[in-house]
Amino acid sequence: MTAYASPDHGGSGRHEPMLMTISYGKGRVFHTPMGHADYSQECVGFIVSLQRGTEWAATGKVTPTEIPQDFPTADKVSSRKFD
């Protein structure tokens, strides 16, 4: 997954990696630069991506699940507020 880093906001003008997996010897690495602020960690897209990426890194597999009803869309932001 990538995100466009707009030069209008100090970005590179390129699509930068946001989710990636790497095999490293006998291990697996899941990396994301997302979630650096508390409000971004409340995003349902971030939560689901982190859960699934962590499961893959730990086991090499991801349990098939349905997309949550509150998953964000191109037109709708969705978050789960922390208590």
Protein backbone atom coordinates (compact mmCIF):
# COMPACT_ATOMS: atom_id res chain seq x y z
CA MET A 1 0.00 0.00 0.00
CA THR A 2 1.26 3.47 -0.79
CA ALA A 3 0.22 7.04 -0.09
CA TYR A 4 0.94 10.03 -2.28
CA ALA A 5 3.30 12.49 -0.56
CA SER A 6 2.14 15.80 -1.98
CA PRO A 7 4.89 18.35 -2.62
CA ASP A 8 2.35 20.99 -1.61
CA HIS A 9 2.73 19.67 1.96
CA GLY A 10 6.49 19.10 1.95
CA GLY A 11 6.31 15.60 0.45
CA SER A 12 8.41 13.95 -2.21
CA GLY A 13 5.78 14.03 -4.96
CA ARG A 14 5.90 10.23 -5.07
CA HIS A 15 3.84 7.35 -3.79
CA GLU A 16 5.61 6.28 -0.57
CA PRO A 17 5.25 2.82 1.03
CA MET A 18 2.75 2.68 3.90
CA LEU A 19 2.46 -1.09 4.43
CA MET A 20 5.13 -3.58 3.52
CA THR A 21 6.27 -7.07 4.36
CA ILE A 22 9.80 -8.40 4.21
CA SER A 23 11.15 -11.89 4.66
CA TYR A 24 14.37 -11.76 6.69
CA GLY A 25 16.18 -15.06 7.04
CA LYS A 26 13.72 -17.33 8.83
CA GLY A 27 11.75 -14.33 10.11
CA ARG A 28 9.12 -11.98 8.79
CA VAL A 29 8.86 -8.21 9.11
CA PHE A 30 5.67 -6.17 8.86
CA HIS A 31 6.33 -2.43 8.66
CA THR A 32 4.11 0.62 8.60
CA PRO A 33 4.96 4.27 9.30
CA MET A 34 1.26 4.89 10.00
CA GLY A 35 -0.12 5.35 13.51
CA HIS A 36 2.42 7.90 14.74
CA ALA A 37 -0.25 9.97 16.54
CA ASP A 38 -2.98 8.88 18.93
CA TYR A 39 -5.81 10.01 16.63
CA SER A 40 -4.38 8.01 13.71
CA GLN A 41 -4.31 4.88 15.87
CA GLU A 42 -8.10 5.20 16.25
CA CYS A 43 -8.63 4.75 12.48
CA VAL A 44 -10.35 1.44 11.76
CA GLY A 45 -8.18 0.97 8.67
CA PHE A 46 -5.04 1.30 10.80
CA ILE A 47 -6.38 -1.03 13.51
CA VAL A 48 -7.30 -3.78 11.03
CA SER A 49 -4.03 -3.42 9.09
CA LEU A 50 -1.95 -3.59 12.28
CA GLN A 51 -3.84 -6.65 13.56
CA ARG A 52 -3.50 -8.52 10.27
CA GLY A 53 0.14 -7.50 9.72
CA THR A 54 1.08 -8.57 13.24
CA GLU A 55 -0.67 -11.92 12.79
CA TRP A 56 1.22 -12.51 9.53
CA ALA A 57 4.57 -11.59 11.12
CA ALA A 58 3.92 -13.94 14.04
CA THR A 59 2.49 -16.93 12.15
CA GLY A 60 3.06 -16.50 8.41
CA LYS A 61 -0.70 -16.62 7.84
CA VAL A 62 -3.67 -14.29 8.18
CA THR A 63 -7.02 -15.59 9.37
CA PRO A 64 -9.63 -14.88 6.70
CA THR A 65 -12.18 -12.46 8.13
CA GLU A 66 -14.87 -10.22 6.75
CA ILE A 67 -14.16 -6.55 6.34
CA PRO A 68 -15.60 -4.76 9.40
CA GLN A 69 -18.82 -2.84 8.82
CA ASP A 70 -17.12 0.34 10.05
CA PHE A 71 -14.09 -0.01 7.73
CA PRO A 72 -13.35 3.36 6.06
CA THR A 73 -14.16 3.97 2.42
CA ALA A 74 -12.93 6.49 -0.14
CA ASP A 75 -15.78 8.76 0.98
CA LYS A 76 -16.00 8.01 4.71
CA VAL A 77 -13.52 8.18 7.58
CA SER A 78 -14.09 5.69 10.37
CA SER A 79 -12.54 5.61 13.81
CA ARG A 80 -12.94 3.82 17.12
CA LYS A 81 -12.37 6.32 19.91
CA PHE A 82 -10.19 5.23 22.80
CA ASP A 83 -11.73 5.41 26.25
